[in-house]
Amino acid sequence: MSEAAPARPALCEELRFLARRHPRATWTGRADLGALARFWLQRHQAFRELDTIIVSGSQAALDQRHDPARLRSWLGRHAQLLLWQLEEHHQVEDRHYFPLFRRIEPRLAAGFEVLERDHEALHAALAVIVQRANAVLTHGDDDRAGFRSALERFLHAQRELGQGLLRHLDDEEDLVIPLLLERGEGSLLEGG
């Protein structure tokens, strides 16, 4: 990958001990999947969907199914939404949940460090997205070739961001959701 979120390998098996005990395939059917876990999964699904929407809409514009003026308005809203939502979500995780989870389950500390580094990489990639989106948003209607080139660069960066984001979301879920299931949300939120 270029200047977008760099690829990294999946979490090591040593950090997946709770995920093996509580496999992803069993989460949705569990009565003990609490409100926080459900909210976490819903937020992550929203990020996945927003990434898909941005990529597919941008590709549709490249395929000339959307005119530049319509795309600029649409892209501005969606890119801004992704940026704001990820920033807010990561701040809550980094400042509140990850420190709490480290205290409660020290064996997962290295995993939460990986996730925090992911946040830094993702925010660096988002800076590239903002730069590339601004290039798309500022191209005039009379410069179709320049608009197309800017949109191609944006779409490339968005796809790279999406790859890093999807890896991050999956790994985060594989740490957080099994921990919430293992310990129970009530005891976790009370500090252990």
N, C-alpha and C. Protein backbone atom coordinates (compact mmCIF):
# COMPACT_ATOMS: atom_id res chain seq x y z
N MET A 1 0.83 -1.19 0.00
CA MET A 1 0.00 0.00 0.00
C MET A 1 0.87 1.24 0.00
N SER A 2 0.34 2.31 -0.51
CA SER A 2 1.11 3.55 -0.55
C SER A 2 0.92 4.32 0.75
N GLU A 3 0.51 5.59 0.66
CA GLU A 3 0.42 6.39 1.87
C GLU A 3 -0.87 6.17 2.66
N ALA A 4 -1.73 5.29 2.21
CA ALA A 4 -2.94 4.97 2.97
C ALA A 4 -2.59 3.98 4.07
N ALA A 5 -3.61 3.50 4.78
CA ALA A 5 -3.40 2.61 5.91
C ALA A 5 -2.59 1.39 5.48
N PRO A 6 -1.41 1.20 6.08
CA PRO A 6 -0.58 0.08 5.65
C PRO A 6 -1.20 -1.26 6.05
N ALA A 7 -0.95 -2.26 5.22
CA ALA A 7 -1.43 -3.60 5.53
C ALA A 7 -0.61 -4.16 6.68
N ARG A 8 -1.24 -4.92 7.51
CA ARG A 8 -0.52 -5.62 8.56
C ARG A 8 -1.13 -7.00 8.67
N PRO A 9 -0.39 -7.92 9.21
CA PRO A 9 -0.96 -9.26 9.35
C PRO A 9 -2.06 -9.29 10.41
N ALA A 10 -2.83 -10.35 10.40
CA ALA A 10 -3.88 -10.52 11.41
C ALA A 10 -3.24 -10.64 12.79
N LEU A 11 -4.05 -10.49 13.80
CA LEU A 11 -3.56 -10.65 15.17
C LEU A 11 -2.97 -12.04 15.35
N CYS A 12 -1.92 -12.13 16.15
CA CYS A 12 -1.29 -13.42 16.40
C CYS A 12 -2.24 -14.32 17.19
N GLU A 13 -2.03 -15.59 17.07
CA GLU A 13 -2.90 -16.58 17.72
C GLU A 13 -2.90 -16.45 19.24
N GLU A 14 -1.80 -16.01 19.82
CA GLU A 14 -1.75 -15.86 21.28
C GLU A 14 -2.79 -14.85 21.78
N LEU A 15 -3.13 -13.89 20.95
CA LEU A 15 -4.11 -12.86 21.35
C LEU A 15 -5.55 -13.28 21.05
N ARG A 16 -5.71 -14.41 20.41
CA ARG A 16 -7.04 -14.85 19.99
C ARG A 16 -7.62 -15.93 20.91
N PHE A 17 -7.08 -16.04 22.12
CA PHE A 17 -7.54 -17.11 23.01
C PHE A 17 -9.01 -16.97 23.39
N LEU A 18 -9.50 -15.76 23.57
CA LEU A 18 -10.92 -15.57 23.87
C LEU A 18 -11.78 -15.75 22.61
N ALA A 19 -11.26 -15.37 21.48
CA ALA A 19 -12.00 -15.54 20.22
C ALA A 19 -12.17 -17.02 19.90
N ARG A 20 -11.21 -17.84 20.29
CA ARG A 20 -11.37 -19.28 20.09
C ARG A 20 -12.45 -19.84 21.01
N ARG A 21 -12.55 -19.28 22.20
CA ARG A 21 -13.57 -19.71 23.17
C ARG A 21 -14.96 -19.21 22.78
N HIS A 22 -15.00 -18.04 22.14
CA HIS A 22 -16.26 -17.40 21.74
C HIS A 22 -16.18 -17.03 20.26
N PRO A 23 -16.32 -18.02 19.37
CA PRO A 23 -16.15 -17.74 17.92
C PRO A 23 -17.21 -16.80 17.36
N ARG A 24 -16.78 -16.03 16.40
CA ARG A 24 -17.63 -15.02 15.73
C ARG A 24 -18.97 -15.62 15.28
N ALA A 25 -18.94 -16.81 14.75
CA ALA A 25 -20.16 -17.43 14.22
C ALA A 25 -21.24 -17.61 15.27
N THR A 26 -20.89 -17.57 16.55
CA THR A 26 -21.87 -17.79 17.62
C THR A 26 -22.40 -16.49 18.23
N TRP A 27 -21.83 -15.36 17.90
CA TRP A 27 -22.16 -14.12 18.60
C TRP A 27 -23.63 -13.72 18.49
N THR A 28 -24.15 -13.69 17.28
CA THR A 28 -25.50 -13.11 17.10
C THR A 28 -26.58 -13.93 17.78
N GLY A 29 -26.38 -15.22 17.94
CA GLY A 29 -27.40 -16.05 18.56
C GLY A 29 -27.33 -16.12 20.07
N ARG A 30 -26.40 -15.44 20.67
CA ARG A 30 -26.19 -15.56 22.11
C ARG A 30 -27.08 -14.59 22.89
N ALA A 31 -27.72 -15.14 23.92
CA ALA A 31 -28.57 -14.31 24.78
C ALA A 31 -27.74 -13.35 25.62
N ASP A 32 -26.47 -13.70 25.87
CA ASP A 32 -25.62 -12.85 26.70
C ASP A 32 -24.83 -11.81 25.90
N LEU A 33 -25.15 -11.66 24.62
CA LEU A 33 -24.54 -10.59 23.83
C LEU A 33 -25.26 -9.30 24.23
N GLY A 34 -24.59 -8.49 25.03
CA GLY A 34 -25.22 -7.33 25.63
C GLY A 34 -25.33 -6.13 24.71
N ALA A 35 -25.89 -5.07 25.26
CA ALA A 35 -26.15 -3.85 24.51
C ALA A 35 -24.86 -3.21 23.98
N LEU A 36 -23.79 -3.20 24.79
CA LEU A 36 -22.54 -2.61 24.34
C LEU A 36 -21.95 -3.39 23.17
N ALA A 37 -21.95 -4.71 23.28
CA ALA A 37 -21.42 -5.54 22.19
C ALA A 37 -22.24 -5.34 20.91
N ARG A 38 -23.55 -5.31 21.06
CA ARG A 38 -24.40 -5.09 19.88
C ARG A 38 -24.14 -3.72 19.26
N PHE A 39 -24.01 -2.70 20.11
CA PHE A 39 -23.72 -1.35 19.62
C PHE A 39 -22.38 -1.33 18.89
N TRP A 40 -21.37 -1.97 19.48
CA TRP A 40 -20.03 -2.02 18.89
C TRP A 40 -20.11 -2.64 17.49
N LEU A 41 -20.79 -3.76 17.39
CA LEU A 41 -20.92 -4.44 16.10
C LEU A 41 -21.71 -3.60 15.10
N GLN A 42 -22.74 -2.91 15.57
CA GLN A 42 -23.52 -2.04 14.67
C GLN A 42 -22.68 -0.88 14.15
N ARG A 43 -21.88 -0.26 15.00
CA ARG A 43 -21.02 0.84 14.57
C ARG A 43 -20.03 0.34 13.52
N HIS A 44 -19.43 -0.80 13.79
CA HIS A 44 -18.46 -1.34 12.84
C HIS A 44 -19.13 -1.69 11.51
N GLN A 45 -20.34 -2.24 11.57
CA GLN A 45 -21.04 -2.54 10.33
C GLN A 45 -21.35 -1.26 9.56
N ALA A 46 -21.66 -0.20 10.27
CA ALA A 46 -21.92 1.09 9.61
C ALA A 46 -20.66 1.59 8.90
N PHE A 47 -19.48 1.40 9.51
CA PHE A 47 -18.23 1.81 8.86
C PHE A 47 -17.98 0.98 7.60
N ARG A 48 -18.23 -0.31 7.70
CA ARG A 48 -18.06 -1.18 6.52
C ARG A 48 -18.98 -0.74 5.39
N GLU A 49 -20.24 -0.47 5.74
CA GLU A 49 -21.22 -0.05 4.73
C GLU A 49 -20.86 1.30 4.12
N LEU A 50 -20.41 2.23 4.94
CA LEU A 50 -20.03 3.54 4.44
C LEU A 50 -18.84 3.44 3.48
N ASP A 51 -17.87 2.61 3.82
CA ASP A 51 -16.75 2.39 2.91
C ASP A 51 -17.24 1.83 1.58
N THR A 52 -18.13 0.85 1.62
CA THR A 52 -18.68 0.26 0.39
C THR A 52 -19.44 1.30 -0.42
N ILE A 53 -20.22 2.12 0.24
CA ILE A 53 -20.99 3.17 -0.45
C ILE A 53 -20.06 4.15 -1.14
N ILE A 54 -19.00 4.59 -0.44
CA ILE A 54 -18.07 5.56 -1.02
C ILE A 54 -17.35 4.96 -2.22
N VAL A 55 -16.89 3.73 -2.09
CA VAL A 55 -16.18 3.07 -3.20
C VAL A 55 -17.13 2.87 -4.38
N SER A 56 -18.32 2.34 -4.14
CA SER A 56 -19.23 2.06 -5.26
C SER A 56 -19.72 3.34 -5.92
N GLY A 57 -20.00 4.38 -5.14
CA GLY A 57 -20.43 5.65 -5.72
C GLY A 57 -19.34 6.31 -6.53
N SER A 58 -18.11 6.23 -6.03
CA SER A 58 -16.98 6.81 -6.77
C SER A 58 -16.72 6.03 -8.04
N GLN A 59 -16.81 4.72 -7.96
CA GLN A 59 -16.63 3.90 -9.17
C GLN A 59 -17.73 4.19 -10.19
N ALA A 60 -18.96 4.37 -9.72
CA ALA A 60 -20.06 4.70 -10.62
C ALA A 60 -19.79 6.02 -11.34
N ALA A 61 -19.22 6.99 -10.64
CA ALA A 61 -18.89 8.26 -11.28
C ALA A 61 -17.80 8.06 -12.32
N LEU A 62 -16.82 7.23 -12.00
CA LEU A 62 -15.78 6.94 -12.99
C LEU A 62 -16.37 6.24 -14.21
N ASP A 63 -17.36 5.41 -13.98
CA ASP A 63 -18.03 4.73 -15.08
C ASP A 63 -19.03 5.63 -15.78
N GLN A 64 -19.04 6.91 -15.37
CA GLN A 64 -19.86 7.98 -15.95
C GLN A 64 -21.35 7.75 -15.76
N ARG A 65 -21.70 7.17 -14.62
CA ARG A 65 -23.11 7.02 -14.28
C ARG A 65 -23.59 8.17 -13.40
N HIS A 66 -22.66 9.01 -12.95
CA HIS A 66 -23.01 10.20 -12.15
C HIS A 66 -22.25 11.38 -12.72
N ASP A 67 -22.91 12.53 -12.75
CA ASP A 67 -22.21 13.71 -13.24
C ASP A 67 -21.35 14.29 -12.12
N PRO A 68 -20.30 15.03 -12.48
CA PRO A 68 -19.36 15.57 -11.48
C PRO A 68 -20.02 16.44 -10.41
N ALA A 69 -20.96 17.29 -10.79
CA ALA A 69 -21.59 18.18 -9.80
C ALA A 69 -22.34 17.36 -8.75
N ARG A 70 -23.06 16.35 -9.17
CA ARG A 70 -23.79 15.50 -8.24
C ARG A 70 -22.82 14.73 -7.35
N LEU A 71 -21.77 14.22 -7.94
CA LEU A 71 -20.80 13.45 -7.17
C LEU A 71 -20.12 14.33 -6.12
N ARG A 72 -19.76 15.55 -6.47
CA ARG A 72 -19.04 16.41 -5.52
C ARG A 72 -19.85 16.59 -4.24
N SER A 73 -21.12 16.88 -4.36
CA SER A 73 -21.97 17.06 -3.18
C SER A 73 -22.07 15.76 -2.38
N TRP A 74 -22.30 14.68 -3.07
CA TRP A 74 -22.44 13.37 -2.45
C TRP A 74 -21.14 12.95 -1.76
N LEU A 75 -20.03 13.10 -2.46
CA LEU A 75 -18.74 12.69 -1.92
C LEU A 75 -18.36 13.52 -0.69
N GLY A 76 -18.61 14.81 -0.74
CA GLY A 76 -18.32 15.66 0.40
C GLY A 76 -19.04 15.20 1.65
N ARG A 77 -20.32 14.89 1.52
CA ARG A 77 -21.11 14.42 2.68
C ARG A 77 -20.60 13.09 3.21
N HIS A 78 -20.38 12.15 2.32
CA HIS A 78 -20.00 10.80 2.76
C HIS A 78 -18.58 10.74 3.31
N ALA A 79 -17.65 11.42 2.68
CA ALA A 79 -16.27 11.44 3.18
C ALA A 79 -16.21 12.12 4.54
N GLN A 80 -16.95 13.21 4.69
CA GLN A 80 -16.99 13.91 5.98
C GLN A 80 -17.60 13.03 7.06
N LEU A 81 -18.65 12.31 6.73
CA LEU A 81 -19.30 11.42 7.70
C LEU A 81 -18.32 10.33 8.15
N LEU A 82 -17.62 9.73 7.23
CA LEU A 82 -16.65 8.69 7.58
C LEU A 82 -15.55 9.26 8.48
N LEU A 83 -15.04 10.40 8.12
CA LEU A 83 -13.97 11.04 8.90
C LEU A 83 -14.44 11.34 10.32
N TRP A 84 -15.57 11.99 10.46
CA TRP A 84 -16.06 12.38 11.79
C TRP A 84 -16.41 11.16 12.64
N GLN A 85 -17.08 10.21 12.03
CA GLN A 85 -17.52 9.04 12.79
C GLN A 85 -16.33 8.20 13.26
N LEU A 86 -15.36 7.99 12.41
CA LEU A 86 -14.17 7.22 12.81
C LEU A 86 -13.39 7.96 13.89
N GLU A 87 -13.24 9.25 13.74
CA GLU A 87 -12.51 10.03 14.74
C GLU A 87 -13.18 9.91 16.11
N GLU A 88 -14.46 10.11 16.15
CA GLU A 88 -15.19 10.03 17.42
C GLU A 88 -15.10 8.62 18.02
N HIS A 89 -15.32 7.62 17.20
CA HIS A 89 -15.28 6.23 17.65
C HIS A 89 -13.91 5.87 18.22
N HIS A 90 -12.87 6.25 17.53
CA HIS A 90 -11.51 5.92 17.97
C HIS A 90 -11.14 6.67 19.25
N GLN A 91 -11.58 7.90 19.39
CA GLN A 91 -11.29 8.65 20.63
C GLN A 91 -11.91 7.95 21.84
N VAL A 92 -13.14 7.50 21.71
CA VAL A 92 -13.80 6.81 22.83
C VAL A 92 -13.06 5.51 23.15
N GLU A 93 -12.67 4.79 22.12
CA GLU A 93 -11.94 3.54 22.35
C GLU A 93 -10.59 3.81 23.01
N ASP A 94 -9.82 4.74 22.45
CA ASP A 94 -8.46 4.99 22.95
C ASP A 94 -8.46 5.59 24.35
N ARG A 95 -9.41 6.41 24.65
CA ARG A 95 -9.42 7.12 25.94
C ARG A 95 -10.17 6.37 27.04
N HIS A 96 -11.13 5.57 26.66
CA HIS A 96 -11.95 4.92 27.68
C HIS A 96 -11.85 3.39 27.64
N TYR A 97 -12.31 2.81 26.54
CA TYR A 97 -12.47 1.36 26.53
C TYR A 97 -11.15 0.59 26.51
N PHE A 98 -10.20 0.97 25.67
CA PHE A 98 -8.97 0.18 25.59
C PHE A 98 -8.20 0.20 26.92
N PRO A 99 -8.05 1.35 27.59
CA PRO A 99 -7.39 1.31 28.90
C PRO A 99 -8.14 0.42 29.91
N LEU A 100 -9.45 0.49 29.90
CA LEU A 100 -10.26 -0.34 30.78
C LEU A 100 -10.05 -1.83 30.46
N PHE A 101 -10.10 -2.17 29.19
CA PHE A 101 -9.94 -3.57 28.80
C PHE A 101 -8.54 -4.09 29.13
N ARG A 102 -7.53 -3.24 29.00
CA ARG A 102 -6.16 -3.64 29.36
C ARG A 102 -6.07 -3.99 30.84
N ARG A 103 -6.70 -3.18 31.67
CA ARG A 103 -6.68 -3.45 33.12
C ARG A 103 -7.39 -4.76 33.45
N ILE A 104 -8.51 -4.98 32.79
CA ILE A 104 -9.33 -6.15 33.08
C ILE A 104 -8.69 -7.43 32.55
N GLU A 105 -8.08 -7.37 31.37
CA GLU A 105 -7.47 -8.56 30.77
C GLU A 105 -6.09 -8.21 30.23
N PRO A 106 -5.08 -8.19 31.13
CA PRO A 106 -3.73 -7.81 30.73
C PRO A 106 -3.13 -8.67 29.61
N ARG A 107 -3.62 -9.89 29.46
CA ARG A 107 -3.09 -10.75 28.39
C ARG A 107 -3.43 -10.22 27.00
N LEU A 108 -4.38 -9.30 26.92
CA LEU A 108 -4.77 -8.70 25.63
C LEU A 108 -4.13 -7.33 25.39
N ALA A 109 -3.28 -6.89 26.30
CA ALA A 109 -2.69 -5.54 26.19
C ALA A 109 -1.98 -5.34 24.86
N ALA A 110 -1.22 -6.32 24.43
CA ALA A 110 -0.50 -6.18 23.15
C ALA A 110 -1.48 -6.02 21.98
N GLY A 111 -2.61 -6.67 22.06
CA GLY A 111 -3.62 -6.52 21.01
C GLY A 111 -4.21 -5.13 20.96
N PHE A 112 -4.45 -4.56 22.14
CA PHE A 112 -4.99 -3.19 22.16
C PHE A 112 -3.95 -2.18 21.72
N GLU A 113 -2.67 -2.48 21.93
CA GLU A 113 -1.61 -1.62 21.39
C GLU A 113 -1.62 -1.67 19.87
N VAL A 114 -1.81 -2.86 19.30
CA VAL A 114 -1.91 -2.98 17.84
C VAL A 114 -3.08 -2.15 17.33
N LEU A 115 -4.21 -2.24 18.01
CA LEU A 115 -5.39 -1.49 17.58
C LEU A 115 -5.18 0.01 17.67
N GLU A 116 -4.49 0.46 18.70
CA GLU A 116 -4.19 1.90 18.80
C GLU A 116 -3.25 2.35 17.69
N ARG A 117 -2.28 1.52 17.34
CA ARG A 117 -1.40 1.86 16.20
C ARG A 117 -2.21 1.89 14.91
N ASP A 118 -3.16 0.96 14.79
CA ASP A 118 -4.07 1.00 13.64
C ASP A 118 -4.79 2.34 13.57
N HIS A 119 -5.27 2.82 14.71
CA HIS A 119 -5.98 4.10 14.73
C HIS A 119 -5.09 5.20 14.16
N GLU A 120 -3.83 5.22 14.57
CA GLU A 120 -2.90 6.23 14.06
C GLU A 120 -2.73 6.09 12.55
N ALA A 121 -2.55 4.85 12.07
CA ALA A 121 -2.39 4.62 10.63
C ALA A 121 -3.65 4.99 9.87
N LEU A 122 -4.79 4.64 10.43
CA LEU A 122 -6.05 4.97 9.76
C LEU A 122 -6.27 6.48 9.68
N HIS A 123 -5.89 7.18 10.73
CA HIS A 123 -6.06 8.64 10.69
C HIS A 123 -5.08 9.29 9.73
N ALA A 124 -3.92 8.73 9.58
CA ALA A 124 -2.99 9.22 8.55
C ALA A 124 -3.59 8.97 7.17
N ALA A 125 -4.20 7.80 6.99
CA ALA A 125 -4.84 7.48 5.71
C ALA A 125 -6.03 8.40 5.47
N LEU A 126 -6.75 8.74 6.53
CA LEU A 126 -7.87 9.66 6.38
C LEU A 126 -7.40 11.05 5.94
N ALA A 127 -6.22 11.45 6.38
CA ALA A 127 -5.67 12.74 5.93
C ALA A 127 -5.44 12.71 4.42
N VAL A 128 -4.99 11.58 3.91
CA VAL A 128 -4.83 11.41 2.46
C VAL A 128 -6.19 11.46 1.77
N ILE A 129 -7.18 10.81 2.38
CA ILE A 129 -8.53 10.82 1.82
C ILE A 129 -9.06 12.26 1.73
N VAL A 130 -8.86 13.03 2.77
CA VAL A 130 -9.32 14.43 2.78
C VAL A 130 -8.63 15.20 1.66
N GLN A 131 -7.33 15.03 1.54
CA GLN A 131 -6.58 15.72 0.49
C GLN A 131 -7.09 15.33 -0.90
N ARG A 132 -7.27 14.04 -1.10
CA ARG A 132 -7.73 13.56 -2.42
C ARG A 132 -9.18 13.95 -2.68
N ALA A 133 -10.03 13.90 -1.65
CA ALA A 133 -11.42 14.31 -1.83
C ALA A 133 -11.49 15.79 -2.17
N ASN A 134 -10.68 16.60 -1.51
CA ASN A 134 -10.66 18.04 -1.81
C ASN A 134 -10.25 18.30 -3.26
N ALA A 135 -9.33 17.49 -3.78
CA ALA A 135 -8.93 17.64 -5.18
C ALA A 135 -10.11 17.34 -6.10
N VAL A 136 -10.93 16.35 -5.75
CA VAL A 136 -12.12 16.03 -6.54
C VAL A 136 -13.14 17.17 -6.41
N LEU A 137 -13.33 17.64 -5.19
CA LEU A 137 -14.37 18.64 -4.93
C LEU A 137 -14.07 20.00 -5.56
N THR A 138 -12.80 20.30 -5.80
CA THR A 138 -12.44 21.62 -6.33
C THR A 138 -12.26 21.64 -7.84
N HIS A 139 -12.39 20.49 -8.50
CA HIS A 139 -12.26 20.49 -9.96
C HIS A 139 -13.52 21.07 -10.60
N GLY A 140 -13.32 21.95 -11.54
CA GLY A 140 -14.44 22.56 -12.26
C GLY A 140 -15.04 21.61 -13.28
N ASP A 141 -16.26 21.89 -13.66
CA ASP A 141 -16.97 21.05 -14.63
C ASP A 141 -16.32 21.08 -16.01
N ASP A 142 -15.52 22.10 -16.29
CA ASP A 142 -14.91 22.21 -17.62
C ASP A 142 -13.63 21.37 -17.75
N ASP A 143 -13.19 20.74 -16.69
CA ASP A 143 -11.96 19.93 -16.71
C ASP A 143 -12.30 18.48 -16.40
N ARG A 144 -12.97 17.81 -17.33
CA ARG A 144 -13.39 16.42 -17.14
C ARG A 144 -12.20 15.49 -16.93
N ALA A 145 -11.13 15.68 -17.67
CA ALA A 145 -9.96 14.81 -17.54
C ALA A 145 -9.31 14.98 -16.17
N GLY A 146 -9.18 16.21 -15.71
CA GLY A 146 -8.61 16.46 -14.39
C GLY A 146 -9.50 15.92 -13.28
N PHE A 147 -10.81 16.07 -13.47
CA PHE A 147 -11.76 15.53 -12.49
C PHE A 147 -11.63 14.02 -12.41
N ARG A 148 -11.59 13.39 -13.55
CA ARG A 148 -11.48 11.93 -13.60
C ARG A 148 -10.17 11.46 -12.94
N SER A 149 -9.09 12.12 -13.24
CA SER A 149 -7.80 11.76 -12.65
C SER A 149 -7.82 11.92 -11.13
N ALA A 150 -8.39 13.03 -10.66
CA ALA A 150 -8.49 13.26 -9.21
C ALA A 150 -9.38 12.21 -8.56
N LEU A 151 -10.46 11.84 -9.23
CA LEU A 151 -11.37 10.83 -8.69
C LEU A 151 -10.69 9.46 -8.66
N GLU A 152 -9.93 9.14 -9.66
CA GLU A 152 -9.19 7.87 -9.65
C GLU A 152 -8.21 7.81 -8.49
N ARG A 153 -7.50 8.90 -8.24
CA ARG A 153 -6.56 8.94 -7.10
C ARG A 153 -7.30 8.81 -5.77
N PHE A 154 -8.44 9.50 -5.67
CA PHE A 154 -9.25 9.38 -4.46
C PHE A 154 -9.70 7.94 -4.26
N LEU A 155 -10.25 7.34 -5.30
CA LEU A 155 -10.78 5.98 -5.19
C LEU A 155 -9.68 4.99 -4.81
N HIS A 156 -8.50 5.16 -5.37
CA HIS A 156 -7.36 4.30 -5.00
C HIS A 156 -7.07 4.42 -3.50
N ALA A 157 -7.01 5.64 -3.00
CA ALA A 157 -6.74 5.86 -1.57
C ALA A 157 -7.88 5.31 -0.71
N GLN A 158 -9.12 5.47 -1.16
CA GLN A 158 -10.26 4.96 -0.40
C GLN A 158 -10.23 3.44 -0.33
N ARG A 159 -9.87 2.80 -1.42
CA ARG A 159 -9.78 1.33 -1.41
C ARG A 159 -8.68 0.86 -0.45
N GLU A 160 -7.57 1.55 -0.45
CA GLU A 160 -6.50 1.19 0.48
C GLU A 160 -6.92 1.43 1.93
N LEU A 161 -7.58 2.55 2.18
CA LEU A 161 -8.11 2.81 3.51
C LEU A 161 -9.05 1.69 3.91
N GLY A 162 -9.93 1.30 3.01
CA GLY A 162 -10.90 0.26 3.31
C GLY A 162 -10.24 -1.06 3.68
N GLN A 163 -9.17 -1.41 3.00
CA GLN A 163 -8.46 -2.66 3.33
C GLN A 163 -7.93 -2.62 4.76
N GLY A 164 -7.29 -1.53 5.12
CA GLY A 164 -6.77 -1.39 6.48
C GLY A 164 -7.89 -1.32 7.50
N LEU A 165 -8.96 -0.62 7.16
CA LEU A 165 -10.09 -0.48 8.06
C LEU A 165 -10.76 -1.83 8.32
N LEU A 166 -10.98 -2.60 7.28
CA LEU A 166 -11.64 -3.90 7.45
C LEU A 166 -10.80 -4.84 8.30
N ARG A 167 -9.49 -4.85 8.10
CA ARG A 167 -8.60 -5.67 8.93
C ARG A 167 -8.73 -5.23 10.39
N HIS A 168 -8.70 -3.93 10.61
CA HIS A 168 -8.79 -3.38 11.95
C HIS A 168 -10.12 -3.74 12.62
N LEU A 169 -11.22 -3.54 11.92
CA LEU A 169 -12.53 -3.82 12.50
C LEU A 169 -12.67 -5.28 12.89
N ASP A 170 -12.24 -6.17 12.01
CA ASP A 170 -12.31 -7.60 12.31
C ASP A 170 -11.48 -7.95 13.54
N ASP A 171 -10.25 -7.45 13.59
CA ASP A 171 -9.37 -7.76 14.71
C ASP A 171 -9.90 -7.16 16.01
N GLU A 172 -10.41 -5.95 15.92
CA GLU A 172 -10.95 -5.32 17.13
C GLU A 172 -12.14 -6.12 17.66
N GLU A 173 -13.01 -6.54 16.76
CA GLU A 173 -14.15 -7.35 17.19
C GLU A 173 -13.69 -8.67 17.81
N ASP A 174 -12.65 -9.25 17.25
CA ASP A 174 -12.15 -10.53 17.77
C ASP A 174 -11.50 -10.40 19.15
N LEU A 175 -11.14 -9.20 19.54
CA LEU A 175 -10.66 -8.96 20.90
C LEU A 175 -11.80 -8.53 21.82
N VAL A 176 -12.56 -7.55 21.38
CA VAL A 176 -13.54 -6.89 22.25
C VAL A 176 -14.76 -7.76 22.51
N ILE A 177 -15.38 -8.29 21.48
CA ILE A 177 -16.65 -9.00 21.67
C ILE A 177 -16.45 -10.25 22.54
N PRO A 178 -15.43 -11.08 22.29
CA PRO A 178 -15.21 -12.22 23.19
C PRO A 178 -14.91 -11.79 24.63
N LEU A 179 -14.20 -10.67 24.80
CA LEU A 179 -13.94 -10.19 26.16
C LEU A 179 -15.24 -9.80 26.86
N LEU A 180 -16.12 -9.10 26.14
CA LEU A 180 -17.40 -8.73 26.71
C LEU A 180 -18.23 -9.97 27.05
N LEU A 181 -18.17 -10.97 26.19
CA LEU A 181 -18.90 -12.21 26.45
C LEU A 181 -18.30 -12.98 27.63
N GLU A 182 -17.00 -13.03 27.67
CA GLU A 182 -16.29 -13.79 28.71
C GLU A 182 -16.53 -13.20 30.10
N ARG A 183 -16.41 -11.89 30.20
CA ARG A 183 -16.47 -11.24 31.51
C ARG A 183 -17.85 -10.70 31.86
N GLY A 184 -18.69 -10.53 30.86
CA GLY A 184 -19.99 -9.92 31.12
C GLY A 184 -19.87 -8.41 31.10
N GLU A 185 -20.73 -7.77 30.37
CA GLU A 185 -20.64 -6.31 30.22
C GLU A 185 -20.79 -5.58 31.53
N GLY A 186 -21.67 -6.03 32.39
CA GLY A 186 -21.91 -5.33 33.65
C GLY A 186 -20.65 -5.24 34.49
N SER A 187 -19.94 -6.34 34.64
CA SER A 187 -18.72 -6.32 35.46
C SER A 187 -17.62 -5.51 34.80
N LEU A 188 -17.55 -5.56 33.48
CA LEU A 188 -16.53 -4.78 32.77
C LEU A 188 -16.76 -3.28 32.95
N LEU A 189 -17.99 -2.86 32.79
CA LEU A 189 -18.28 -1.44 32.86
C LEU A 189 -18.18 -0.90 34.28
N GLU A 190 -18.24 -1.79 35.25
CA GLU A 190 -18.05 -1.38 36.63
C GLU A 190 -16.57 -1.39 37.03
N GLY A 191 -15.70 -1.77 36.06
CA GLY A 191 -14.26 -1.72 36.31
C GLY A 191 -13.63 -3.05 36.60
N GLY A 192 -14.33 -4.15 36.35
CA GLY A 192 -13.66 -5.43 36.44
C GLY A 192 -14.36 -6.44 37.24
